[in-house]
Amino acid sequence: MPASPPSSPLTGPRTGALSGTGIDEGGRLRVPPLEPPFHIVLLEPEIPPNTGNVARICAATSSPLHLVGPLGFRIDAHSVRRAGLDYWHLVDLRRHLDWAHFLHEFSRESRERGGASRVWLFTAKTERSWFGVAPSPGDALVFGKESVGLPEDLVAAHAETTVAIPTSGGVRSHNLANAVAIAVYEGLRKVGGLG
């Protein structure tokens, strides 16, 4: 009979379930997942490796990944799978036909949790910095196409929750996957989700 795995600051006996912040058996720093998690939303992503990298970020943070509208690639494309490495089985992947479908489903889920989760839209075309707002667990972080960002009408409809990740120099914006990583980890830091 195989021996039970040893207990650690993060695992209970034989369960492997996270119970607090600490080092796991492999020597990696772990934190319990945020409850409810941030929802990562990509509106019509175009570049497979970006989506694969975002999927890995979602797996690492237990954040559902919502892909909205037509994609610029097939989700089973080799480059998407490769960028996500062997973490796709850990991703809570949700597909939505369009923005209205996503918003309906997200609002319904938020109501069922008894919350009022917000939808934060990331755009380079606002003066409000992500570093100056207060997200809450369960909020959605929305990112647009790599080539053009979010549609102007969508940004206008959600003007009170548009945010930017500031840049300096001549750079318009960050790479999509980098922007998602910055946003998620800053959000986790703000809500105390990093231990």
N, C-alpha and C. Protein backbone atom coordinates (compact mmCIF):
# COMPACT_ATOMS: atom_id res chain seq x y z
N MET A 1 0.85 -1.18 0.00
CA MET A 1 0.00 0.00 0.00
C MET A 1 0.90 1.24 0.00
N PRO A 2 0.66 2.22 -0.93
CA PRO A 2 1.49 3.41 -0.97
C PRO A 2 1.31 4.27 0.27
N ALA A 3 2.38 4.90 0.67
CA ALA A 3 2.33 5.78 1.85
C ALA A 3 1.53 7.03 1.53
N SER A 4 0.86 7.57 2.53
CA SER A 4 0.13 8.82 2.36
C SER A 4 1.11 9.96 2.22
N PRO A 5 0.77 10.97 1.37
CA PRO A 5 1.67 12.12 1.27
C PRO A 5 1.76 12.84 2.60
N PRO A 6 2.93 13.40 2.91
CA PRO A 6 3.07 14.10 4.19
C PRO A 6 2.23 15.37 4.22
N SER A 7 1.85 15.78 5.42
CA SER A 7 1.14 17.04 5.58
C SER A 7 2.13 18.18 5.46
N SER A 8 1.65 19.34 5.05
CA SER A 8 2.48 20.54 4.96
C SER A 8 1.61 21.71 5.36
N PRO A 9 2.18 22.93 5.41
CA PRO A 9 1.36 24.08 5.75
C PRO A 9 0.21 24.29 4.76
N LEU A 10 0.31 23.68 3.57
CA LEU A 10 -0.72 23.90 2.56
C LEU A 10 -1.67 22.74 2.38
N THR A 11 -1.30 21.58 2.80
CA THR A 11 -2.14 20.43 2.51
C THR A 11 -2.58 19.75 3.79
N GLY A 12 -3.77 19.25 3.75
CA GLY A 12 -4.23 18.40 4.83
C GLY A 12 -3.77 16.98 4.54
N PRO A 13 -3.86 16.10 5.51
CA PRO A 13 -3.41 14.74 5.30
C PRO A 13 -4.18 14.08 4.15
N ARG A 14 -3.47 13.54 3.18
CA ARG A 14 -3.98 12.77 2.05
C ARG A 14 -4.91 13.53 1.12
N THR A 15 -5.24 14.78 1.37
CA THR A 15 -6.19 15.46 0.50
C THR A 15 -5.52 16.28 -0.58
N GLY A 16 -4.39 16.88 -0.28
CA GLY A 16 -3.75 17.76 -1.24
C GLY A 16 -4.46 19.09 -1.38
N ALA A 17 -5.50 19.34 -0.62
CA ALA A 17 -6.26 20.58 -0.73
C ALA A 17 -5.52 21.73 -0.05
N LEU A 18 -5.56 22.89 -0.68
CA LEU A 18 -4.92 24.06 -0.09
C LEU A 18 -5.66 24.47 1.18
N SER A 19 -4.90 24.82 2.20
CA SER A 19 -5.52 25.27 3.44
C SER A 19 -4.93 26.57 3.94
N GLY A 20 -3.94 27.13 3.27
CA GLY A 20 -3.32 28.38 3.69
C GLY A 20 -2.14 28.71 2.81
N THR A 21 -1.53 29.84 3.06
CA THR A 21 -0.37 30.25 2.27
C THR A 21 0.88 29.58 2.80
N GLY A 22 1.72 29.11 1.91
CA GLY A 22 2.96 28.48 2.32
C GLY A 22 3.64 27.78 1.17
N ILE A 23 4.58 26.94 1.51
CA ILE A 23 5.37 26.20 0.53
C ILE A 23 4.80 24.80 0.39
N ASP A 24 4.59 24.35 -0.85
CA ASP A 24 4.07 23.00 -1.05
C ASP A 24 5.22 21.98 -1.04
N GLU A 25 4.88 20.71 -1.24
CA GLU A 25 5.88 19.64 -1.19
C GLU A 25 6.96 19.82 -2.24
N GLY A 26 6.65 20.52 -3.34
CA GLY A 26 7.62 20.74 -4.40
C GLY A 26 8.47 21.98 -4.19
N GLY A 27 8.28 22.67 -3.07
CA GLY A 27 9.05 23.86 -2.77
C GLY A 27 8.51 25.14 -3.41
N ARG A 28 7.27 25.09 -3.94
CA ARG A 28 6.67 26.25 -4.59
C ARG A 28 5.75 26.99 -3.62
N LEU A 29 5.81 28.32 -3.68
CA LEU A 29 4.93 29.15 -2.86
C LEU A 29 3.51 29.05 -3.40
N ARG A 30 2.55 28.77 -2.55
CA ARG A 30 1.15 28.60 -2.95
C ARG A 30 0.26 29.46 -2.07
N VAL A 31 -0.84 29.86 -2.64
CA VAL A 31 -1.89 30.55 -1.89
C VAL A 31 -3.21 29.88 -2.24
N PRO A 32 -4.18 29.93 -1.34
CA PRO A 32 -5.48 29.37 -1.68
C PRO A 32 -6.15 30.22 -2.77
N PRO A 33 -7.03 29.63 -3.57
CA PRO A 33 -7.71 30.41 -4.60
C PRO A 33 -8.62 31.47 -4.00
N LEU A 34 -8.75 32.58 -4.72
CA LEU A 34 -9.66 33.65 -4.33
C LEU A 34 -11.09 33.17 -4.50
N GLU A 35 -11.93 33.44 -3.54
CA GLU A 35 -13.35 33.08 -3.62
C GLU A 35 -14.22 34.29 -3.39
N PRO A 36 -15.09 34.64 -4.33
CA PRO A 36 -15.12 34.12 -5.68
C PRO A 36 -13.95 34.66 -6.48
N PRO A 37 -13.54 33.94 -7.53
CA PRO A 37 -12.36 34.37 -8.29
C PRO A 37 -12.66 35.53 -9.22
N PHE A 38 -11.61 36.19 -9.68
CA PHE A 38 -11.76 37.13 -10.79
C PHE A 38 -12.11 36.31 -12.03
N HIS A 39 -12.89 36.89 -12.92
CA HIS A 39 -13.21 36.28 -14.20
C HIS A 39 -12.42 37.01 -15.27
N ILE A 40 -11.67 36.29 -16.08
CA ILE A 40 -10.87 36.89 -17.14
C ILE A 40 -11.63 36.73 -18.45
N VAL A 41 -11.86 37.86 -19.12
CA VAL A 41 -12.70 37.88 -20.32
C VAL A 41 -11.88 38.40 -21.49
N LEU A 42 -11.78 37.61 -22.55
CA LEU A 42 -11.11 38.04 -23.78
C LEU A 42 -12.18 38.20 -24.86
N LEU A 43 -12.33 39.41 -25.35
CA LEU A 43 -13.31 39.70 -26.39
C LEU A 43 -12.64 39.57 -27.76
N GLU A 44 -13.04 38.53 -28.49
CA GLU A 44 -12.55 38.28 -29.84
C GLU A 44 -11.02 38.26 -29.95
N PRO A 45 -10.35 37.45 -29.13
CA PRO A 45 -8.88 37.40 -29.24
C PRO A 45 -8.45 36.88 -30.61
N GLU A 46 -7.29 37.35 -31.06
CA GLU A 46 -6.84 37.05 -32.42
C GLU A 46 -5.58 36.19 -32.49
N ILE A 47 -4.75 36.22 -31.46
CA ILE A 47 -3.43 35.59 -31.53
C ILE A 47 -3.39 34.37 -30.60
N PRO A 48 -3.27 33.16 -31.17
CA PRO A 48 -3.33 31.95 -30.36
C PRO A 48 -2.38 31.91 -29.17
N PRO A 49 -1.09 32.24 -29.32
CA PRO A 49 -0.21 32.16 -28.15
C PRO A 49 -0.62 33.09 -27.01
N ASN A 50 -1.19 34.25 -27.32
CA ASN A 50 -1.66 35.13 -26.25
C ASN A 50 -2.75 34.44 -25.44
N THR A 51 -3.71 33.83 -26.14
CA THR A 51 -4.81 33.15 -25.44
C THR A 51 -4.28 31.97 -24.63
N GLY A 52 -3.33 31.23 -25.18
CA GLY A 52 -2.72 30.14 -24.43
C GLY A 52 -2.01 30.62 -23.18
N ASN A 53 -1.29 31.72 -23.30
CA ASN A 53 -0.60 32.28 -22.12
C ASN A 53 -1.60 32.79 -21.09
N VAL A 54 -2.70 33.40 -21.55
CA VAL A 54 -3.74 33.86 -20.62
C VAL A 54 -4.36 32.65 -19.93
N ALA A 55 -4.57 31.57 -20.66
CA ALA A 55 -5.12 30.35 -20.05
C ALA A 55 -4.22 29.86 -18.93
N ARG A 56 -2.92 29.93 -19.12
CA ARG A 56 -1.99 29.50 -18.07
C ARG A 56 -2.09 30.41 -16.85
N ILE A 57 -2.24 31.72 -17.07
CA ILE A 57 -2.44 32.66 -15.96
C ILE A 57 -3.72 32.29 -15.22
N CYS A 58 -4.78 31.97 -15.97
CA CYS A 58 -6.04 31.59 -15.34
C CYS A 58 -5.88 30.31 -14.52
N ALA A 59 -5.14 29.34 -15.05
CA ALA A 59 -4.90 28.11 -14.30
C ALA A 59 -4.13 28.40 -13.02
N ALA A 60 -3.15 29.30 -13.10
CA ALA A 60 -2.31 29.62 -11.94
C ALA A 60 -3.05 30.40 -10.87
N THR A 61 -4.16 31.05 -11.24
CA THR A 61 -4.90 31.88 -10.28
C THR A 61 -6.32 31.38 -10.03
N SER A 62 -6.66 30.22 -10.58
CA SER A 62 -8.01 29.65 -10.45
C SER A 62 -9.08 30.62 -10.93
N SER A 63 -8.77 31.35 -12.00
CA SER A 63 -9.70 32.33 -12.57
C SER A 63 -10.37 31.74 -13.80
N PRO A 64 -11.72 31.75 -13.88
CA PRO A 64 -12.37 31.30 -15.11
C PRO A 64 -11.94 32.16 -16.29
N LEU A 65 -11.81 31.53 -17.46
CA LEU A 65 -11.46 32.23 -18.69
C LEU A 65 -12.68 32.22 -19.60
N HIS A 66 -13.16 33.41 -19.94
CA HIS A 66 -14.30 33.58 -20.84
C HIS A 66 -13.78 34.04 -22.20
N LEU A 67 -14.08 33.30 -23.25
CA LEU A 67 -13.76 33.71 -24.61
C LEU A 67 -15.06 34.13 -25.27
N VAL A 68 -15.11 35.40 -25.70
CA VAL A 68 -16.36 36.00 -26.17
C VAL A 68 -16.27 36.32 -27.65
N GLY A 69 -17.32 35.92 -28.40
CA GLY A 69 -17.42 36.26 -29.81
C GLY A 69 -16.54 35.38 -30.67
N PRO A 70 -16.45 35.73 -31.95
CA PRO A 70 -15.61 34.93 -32.85
C PRO A 70 -14.13 35.06 -32.48
N LEU A 71 -13.44 33.94 -32.58
CA LEU A 71 -12.01 33.92 -32.28
C LEU A 71 -11.23 34.00 -33.59
N GLY A 72 -10.02 34.50 -33.53
CA GLY A 72 -9.17 34.58 -34.71
C GLY A 72 -8.42 33.29 -34.96
N PHE A 73 -8.87 32.18 -34.36
CA PHE A 73 -8.19 30.88 -34.46
C PHE A 73 -9.14 29.82 -33.94
N ARG A 74 -8.78 28.57 -34.17
CA ARG A 74 -9.55 27.46 -33.58
C ARG A 74 -9.00 27.20 -32.18
N ILE A 75 -9.88 26.97 -31.25
CA ILE A 75 -9.45 26.79 -29.85
C ILE A 75 -8.60 25.54 -29.69
N ASP A 76 -8.72 24.60 -30.60
CA ASP A 76 -7.89 23.40 -30.50
C ASP A 76 -6.59 23.54 -31.28
N ALA A 77 -6.32 24.75 -31.77
CA ALA A 77 -5.11 24.98 -32.55
C ALA A 77 -3.87 24.62 -31.73
N HIS A 78 -2.91 24.05 -32.40
CA HIS A 78 -1.67 23.60 -31.75
C HIS A 78 -1.00 24.74 -30.98
N SER A 79 -0.96 25.93 -31.56
CA SER A 79 -0.25 27.04 -30.91
C SER A 79 -0.95 27.49 -29.63
N VAL A 80 -2.29 27.38 -29.57
CA VAL A 80 -3.00 27.73 -28.34
C VAL A 80 -2.70 26.70 -27.27
N ARG A 81 -2.79 25.44 -27.62
CA ARG A 81 -2.51 24.37 -26.67
C ARG A 81 -1.07 24.44 -26.19
N ARG A 82 -0.16 24.70 -27.10
CA ARG A 82 1.25 24.74 -26.75
C ARG A 82 1.54 25.87 -25.76
N ALA A 83 0.95 27.04 -26.00
CA ALA A 83 1.20 28.18 -25.10
C ALA A 83 0.65 27.91 -23.71
N GLY A 84 -0.44 27.16 -23.61
CA GLY A 84 -1.01 26.82 -22.30
C GLY A 84 -0.32 25.64 -21.65
N LEU A 85 0.62 25.05 -22.39
CA LEU A 85 1.37 23.88 -21.95
C LEU A 85 0.42 22.79 -21.47
N ASP A 86 0.70 22.20 -20.35
CA ASP A 86 -0.13 21.09 -19.88
C ASP A 86 -1.13 21.54 -18.81
N TYR A 87 -1.56 22.80 -18.89
CA TYR A 87 -2.45 23.33 -17.86
C TYR A 87 -3.89 23.48 -18.31
N TRP A 88 -4.21 23.14 -19.55
CA TRP A 88 -5.58 23.36 -20.04
C TRP A 88 -6.61 22.63 -19.20
N HIS A 89 -6.28 21.47 -18.67
CA HIS A 89 -7.24 20.73 -17.86
C HIS A 89 -7.56 21.46 -16.55
N LEU A 90 -6.75 22.44 -16.18
CA LEU A 90 -7.00 23.22 -14.96
C LEU A 90 -7.78 24.51 -15.22
N VAL A 91 -8.10 24.78 -16.49
CA VAL A 91 -8.76 26.04 -16.86
C VAL A 91 -10.27 25.84 -16.91
N ASP A 92 -10.99 26.72 -16.21
CA ASP A 92 -12.45 26.76 -16.30
C ASP A 92 -12.77 27.63 -17.52
N LEU A 93 -12.84 27.00 -18.70
CA LEU A 93 -13.01 27.70 -19.97
C LEU A 93 -14.50 27.83 -20.30
N ARG A 94 -14.92 29.05 -20.58
CA ARG A 94 -16.32 29.32 -20.92
C ARG A 94 -16.38 30.09 -22.24
N ARG A 95 -17.21 29.62 -23.16
CA ARG A 95 -17.37 30.27 -24.47
C ARG A 95 -18.71 31.00 -24.50
N HIS A 96 -18.70 32.18 -25.11
CA HIS A 96 -19.91 32.99 -25.26
C HIS A 96 -20.01 33.46 -26.70
N LEU A 97 -21.21 33.41 -27.25
CA LEU A 97 -21.41 33.82 -28.64
C LEU A 97 -21.09 35.28 -28.86
N ASP A 98 -21.47 36.11 -27.88
CA ASP A 98 -21.26 37.55 -28.02
C ASP A 98 -21.24 38.20 -26.65
N TRP A 99 -21.05 39.52 -26.63
CA TRP A 99 -20.97 40.28 -25.38
C TRP A 99 -22.25 40.16 -24.57
N ALA A 100 -23.40 40.25 -25.24
CA ALA A 100 -24.69 40.18 -24.54
C ALA A 100 -24.82 38.84 -23.81
N HIS A 101 -24.42 37.76 -24.45
CA HIS A 101 -24.50 36.44 -23.82
C HIS A 101 -23.58 36.37 -22.60
N PHE A 102 -22.35 36.87 -22.74
CA PHE A 102 -21.44 36.88 -21.60
C PHE A 102 -22.04 37.67 -20.45
N LEU A 103 -22.51 38.89 -20.74
CA LEU A 103 -23.02 39.77 -19.69
C LEU A 103 -24.21 39.14 -18.98
N HIS A 104 -25.09 38.50 -19.73
CA HIS A 104 -26.25 37.83 -19.14
C HIS A 104 -25.80 36.71 -18.19
N GLU A 105 -24.90 35.86 -18.66
CA GLU A 105 -24.43 34.74 -17.84
C GLU A 105 -23.64 35.21 -16.62
N PHE A 106 -22.79 36.20 -16.81
CA PHE A 106 -21.99 36.72 -15.70
C PHE A 106 -22.89 37.36 -14.65
N SER A 107 -23.87 38.15 -15.09
CA SER A 107 -24.80 38.80 -14.16
C SER A 107 -25.62 37.77 -13.39
N ARG A 108 -26.07 36.73 -14.09
CA ARG A 108 -26.84 35.67 -13.43
C ARG A 108 -26.00 34.98 -12.36
N GLU A 109 -24.77 34.63 -12.70
CA GLU A 109 -23.89 33.97 -11.73
C GLU A 109 -23.60 34.87 -10.54
N SER A 110 -23.40 36.15 -10.80
CA SER A 110 -23.14 37.11 -9.73
C SER A 110 -24.34 37.20 -8.78
N ARG A 111 -25.54 37.25 -9.35
CA ARG A 111 -26.76 37.30 -8.52
C ARG A 111 -26.90 36.04 -7.69
N GLU A 112 -26.61 34.89 -8.29
CA GLU A 112 -26.72 33.62 -7.56
C GLU A 112 -25.77 33.56 -6.38
N ARG A 113 -24.63 34.23 -6.49
CA ARG A 113 -23.67 34.29 -5.38
C ARG A 113 -24.11 35.33 -4.35
N GLY A 114 -25.12 36.12 -4.69
CA GLY A 114 -25.57 37.17 -3.79
C GLY A 114 -24.72 38.41 -3.85
N GLY A 115 -23.95 38.54 -4.91
CA GLY A 115 -23.05 39.69 -5.04
C GLY A 115 -23.47 40.63 -6.15
N ALA A 116 -22.71 41.67 -6.28
CA ALA A 116 -22.91 42.65 -7.35
C ALA A 116 -21.55 42.86 -8.01
N SER A 117 -21.07 41.83 -8.66
CA SER A 117 -19.74 41.91 -9.28
C SER A 117 -19.73 42.93 -10.41
N ARG A 118 -18.59 43.60 -10.52
CA ARG A 118 -18.44 44.61 -11.57
C ARG A 118 -17.68 44.05 -12.76
N VAL A 119 -17.81 44.75 -13.87
CA VAL A 119 -17.11 44.43 -15.10
C VAL A 119 -16.13 45.56 -15.37
N TRP A 120 -14.83 45.27 -15.26
CA TRP A 120 -13.78 46.26 -15.50
C TRP A 120 -13.28 46.09 -16.93
N LEU A 121 -13.35 47.15 -17.73
CA LEU A 121 -12.89 47.11 -19.12
C LEU A 121 -11.53 47.77 -19.24
N PHE A 122 -10.57 47.01 -19.74
CA PHE A 122 -9.20 47.52 -19.89
C PHE A 122 -9.04 48.12 -21.28
N THR A 123 -8.68 49.40 -21.30
CA THR A 123 -8.49 50.14 -22.54
C THR A 123 -7.40 51.17 -22.34
N ALA A 124 -6.69 51.47 -23.40
CA ALA A 124 -5.67 52.52 -23.33
C ALA A 124 -6.32 53.90 -23.41
N LYS A 125 -7.62 53.93 -23.68
CA LYS A 125 -8.32 55.20 -23.93
C LYS A 125 -9.14 55.66 -22.73
N THR A 126 -8.51 55.72 -21.58
CA THR A 126 -9.15 56.26 -20.38
C THR A 126 -8.06 56.86 -19.50
N GLU A 127 -8.47 57.73 -18.61
CA GLU A 127 -7.51 58.34 -17.68
C GLU A 127 -7.50 57.65 -16.32
N ARG A 128 -8.38 56.66 -16.14
CA ARG A 128 -8.46 55.96 -14.85
C ARG A 128 -7.49 54.78 -14.84
N SER A 129 -6.58 54.78 -13.90
CA SER A 129 -5.59 53.71 -13.80
C SER A 129 -6.14 52.53 -13.01
N TRP A 130 -5.82 51.32 -13.45
CA TRP A 130 -6.17 50.11 -12.70
C TRP A 130 -5.56 50.15 -11.31
N PHE A 131 -4.45 50.84 -11.16
CA PHE A 131 -3.77 50.90 -9.87
C PHE A 131 -4.46 51.85 -8.90
N GLY A 132 -5.47 52.58 -9.36
CA GLY A 132 -6.16 53.53 -8.50
C GLY A 132 -7.60 53.17 -8.20
N VAL A 133 -8.03 51.95 -8.56
CA VAL A 133 -9.41 51.54 -8.29
C VAL A 133 -9.41 50.38 -7.31
N ALA A 134 -10.59 50.04 -6.81
CA ALA A 134 -10.72 48.98 -5.80
C ALA A 134 -11.61 47.85 -6.34
N PRO A 135 -11.00 46.84 -6.96
CA PRO A 135 -11.80 45.70 -7.41
C PRO A 135 -12.25 44.85 -6.23
N SER A 136 -13.20 43.97 -6.51
CA SER A 136 -13.70 43.04 -5.50
C SER A 136 -13.60 41.62 -6.03
N PRO A 137 -13.46 40.64 -5.15
CA PRO A 137 -13.49 39.26 -5.61
C PRO A 137 -14.76 39.01 -6.42
N GLY A 138 -14.63 38.27 -7.50
CA GLY A 138 -15.77 37.97 -8.36
C GLY A 138 -15.94 38.92 -9.52
N ASP A 139 -15.19 40.02 -9.55
CA ASP A 139 -15.29 40.97 -10.66
C ASP A 139 -14.74 40.34 -11.94
N ALA A 140 -15.20 40.88 -13.08
CA ALA A 140 -14.70 40.45 -14.39
C ALA A 140 -13.70 41.47 -14.91
N LEU A 141 -12.60 40.99 -15.46
CA LEU A 141 -11.57 41.83 -16.06
C LEU A 141 -11.61 41.56 -17.56
N VAL A 142 -11.98 42.58 -18.34
CA VAL A 142 -12.29 42.41 -19.76
C VAL A 142 -11.22 43.05 -20.63
N PHE A 143 -10.75 42.30 -21.63
CA PHE A 143 -9.69 42.74 -22.53
C PHE A 143 -10.15 42.55 -23.97
N GLY A 144 -9.78 43.50 -24.85
CA GLY A 144 -10.20 43.45 -26.24
C GLY A 144 -9.21 42.78 -27.16
N LYS A 145 -9.52 42.86 -28.45
CA LYS A 145 -8.66 42.30 -29.49
C LYS A 145 -7.27 42.89 -29.43
N GLU A 146 -6.29 42.10 -29.77
CA GLU A 146 -4.92 42.58 -29.80
C GLU A 146 -4.74 43.74 -30.76
N SER A 147 -5.42 43.72 -31.91
CA SER A 147 -5.19 44.73 -32.95
C SER A 147 -5.87 46.06 -32.69
N VAL A 148 -7.06 46.04 -32.08
CA VAL A 148 -7.83 47.29 -31.94
C VAL A 148 -8.38 47.53 -30.54
N GLY A 149 -8.20 46.60 -29.63
CA GLY A 149 -8.74 46.78 -28.28
C GLY A 149 -10.24 46.55 -28.24
N LEU A 150 -10.90 47.20 -27.30
CA LEU A 150 -12.35 47.05 -27.12
C LEU A 150 -13.10 48.00 -28.05
N PRO A 151 -14.30 47.63 -28.48
CA PRO A 151 -15.10 48.53 -29.31
C PRO A 151 -15.45 49.81 -28.55
N GLU A 152 -15.43 50.93 -29.26
CA GLU A 152 -15.70 52.23 -28.63
C GLU A 152 -17.07 52.29 -27.97
N ASP A 153 -18.10 51.68 -28.60
CA ASP A 153 -19.44 51.72 -28.01
C ASP A 153 -19.49 50.95 -26.70
N LEU A 154 -18.74 49.87 -26.59
CA LEU A 154 -18.68 49.10 -25.34
C LEU A 154 -17.98 49.90 -24.25
N VAL A 155 -16.89 50.55 -24.60
CA VAL A 155 -16.17 51.40 -23.65
C VAL A 155 -17.07 52.53 -23.18
N ALA A 156 -17.81 53.15 -24.09
CA ALA A 156 -18.71 54.25 -23.73
C ALA A 156 -19.83 53.76 -22.81
N ALA A 157 -20.35 52.56 -23.06
CA ALA A 157 -21.44 52.02 -22.25
C ALA A 157 -21.00 51.67 -20.84
N HIS A 158 -19.71 51.46 -20.64
CA HIS A 158 -19.18 51.09 -19.32
C HIS A 158 -18.14 52.10 -18.86
N ALA A 159 -18.35 53.36 -19.19
CA ALA A 159 -17.34 54.40 -18.92
C ALA A 159 -16.93 54.46 -17.45
N GLU A 160 -17.84 54.14 -16.54
CA GLU A 160 -17.52 54.24 -15.11
C GLU A 160 -16.59 53.13 -14.63
N THR A 161 -16.41 52.09 -15.43
CA THR A 161 -15.52 51.00 -15.02
C THR A 161 -14.46 50.70 -16.09
N THR A 162 -14.09 51.71 -16.86
CA THR A 162 -12.96 51.53 -17.78
C THR A 162 -11.68 51.88 -17.03
N VAL A 163 -10.65 51.10 -17.27
CA VAL A 163 -9.37 51.32 -16.61
C VAL A 163 -8.24 51.07 -17.60
N ALA A 164 -7.08 51.64 -17.29
CA ALA A 164 -5.89 51.44 -18.12
C ALA A 164 -4.74 50.97 -17.26
N ILE A 165 -3.81 50.28 -17.89
CA ILE A 165 -2.52 49.98 -17.28
C ILE A 165 -1.56 50.99 -17.88
N PRO A 166 -1.07 51.93 -17.09
CA PRO A 166 -0.26 53.02 -17.64
C PRO A 166 1.01 52.53 -18.32
N THR A 167 1.44 53.28 -19.32
CA THR A 167 2.71 53.04 -19.99
C THR A 167 3.45 54.37 -20.08
N SER A 168 4.72 54.31 -20.35
CA SER A 168 5.48 55.53 -20.61
C SER A 168 6.20 55.35 -21.94
N GLY A 169 6.72 56.42 -22.49
CA GLY A 169 7.38 56.32 -23.79
C GLY A 169 6.35 56.22 -24.90
N GLY A 170 6.75 55.69 -26.03
CA GLY A 170 5.89 55.64 -27.20
C GLY A 170 5.04 54.39 -27.34
N VAL A 171 4.99 53.55 -26.32
CA VAL A 171 4.22 52.31 -26.40
C VAL A 171 2.74 52.59 -26.17
N ARG A 172 1.89 52.11 -27.09
CA ARG A 172 0.44 52.31 -26.99
C ARG A 172 -0.17 51.54 -25.83
N SER A 173 0.24 50.29 -25.72
CA SER A 173 -0.36 49.42 -24.71
C SER A 173 0.55 48.21 -24.50
N HIS A 174 0.16 47.38 -23.54
CA HIS A 174 0.90 46.16 -23.25
C HIS A 174 0.40 45.02 -24.13
N ASN A 175 1.22 44.00 -24.30
CA ASN A 175 0.79 42.76 -24.92
C ASN A 175 -0.38 42.20 -24.10
N LEU A 176 -1.34 41.57 -24.77
CA LEU A 176 -2.55 41.08 -24.11
C LEU A 176 -2.23 40.18 -22.91
N ALA A 177 -1.42 39.17 -23.10
CA ALA A 177 -1.13 38.25 -21.99
C ALA A 177 -0.43 38.96 -20.84
N ASN A 178 0.47 39.89 -21.16
CA ASN A 178 1.14 40.65 -20.10
C ASN A 178 0.15 41.53 -19.36
N ALA A 179 -0.77 42.16 -20.09
CA ALA A 179 -1.78 43.01 -19.46
C ALA A 179 -2.65 42.20 -18.52
N VAL A 180 -3.05 41.01 -18.95
CA VAL A 180 -3.87 40.15 -18.09
C VAL A 180 -3.09 39.79 -16.82
N ALA A 181 -1.82 39.42 -16.96
CA ALA A 181 -1.01 39.06 -15.79
C ALA A 181 -0.90 40.24 -14.83
N ILE A 182 -0.62 41.42 -15.36
CA ILE A 182 -0.52 42.62 -14.51
C ILE A 182 -1.84 42.84 -13.78
N ALA A 183 -2.94 42.80 -14.53
CA ALA A 183 -4.26 43.09 -13.96
C ALA A 183 -4.66 42.08 -12.89
N VAL A 184 -4.50 40.81 -13.19
CA VAL A 184 -4.92 39.77 -12.24
C VAL A 184 -4.11 39.86 -10.95
N TYR A 185 -2.81 39.95 -11.07
CA TYR A 185 -1.99 39.94 -9.85
C TYR A 185 -2.12 41.24 -9.06
N GLU A 186 -2.31 42.37 -9.74
CA GLU A 186 -2.59 43.60 -9.00
C GLU A 186 -3.94 43.50 -8.30
N GLY A 187 -4.93 42.92 -8.99
CA GLY A 187 -6.24 42.71 -8.36
C GLY A 187 -6.13 41.81 -7.15
N LEU A 188 -5.40 40.72 -7.28
CA LEU A 188 -5.21 39.81 -6.14
C LEU A 188 -4.50 40.50 -4.99
N ARG A 189 -3.50 41.31 -5.31
CA ARG A 189 -2.79 42.04 -4.26
C ARG A 189 -3.75 42.96 -3.52
N LYS A 190 -4.60 43.65 -4.27
CA LYS A 190 -5.51 44.62 -3.65
C LYS A 190 -6.54 43.97 -2.74
N VAL A 191 -7.01 42.79 -3.10
CA VAL A 191 -8.05 42.15 -2.29
C VAL A 191 -7.48 41.18 -1.27
N GLY A 192 -6.15 41.17 -1.13
CA GLY A 192 -5.53 40.29 -0.14
C GLY A 192 -5.46 38.85 -0.57
N GLY A 193 -5.52 38.60 -1.89
CA GLY A 193 -5.52 37.24 -2.38
C GLY A 193 -4.14 36.64 -2.61
N LEU A 194 -3.10 37.34 -2.20
CA LEU A 194 -1.74 36.81 -2.39
C LEU A 194 -1.08 36.39 -1.08
N GLY A 195 -1.89 36.26 -0.05
CA GLY A 195 -1.35 35.81 1.22
C GLY A 195 -0.89 36.92 2.12
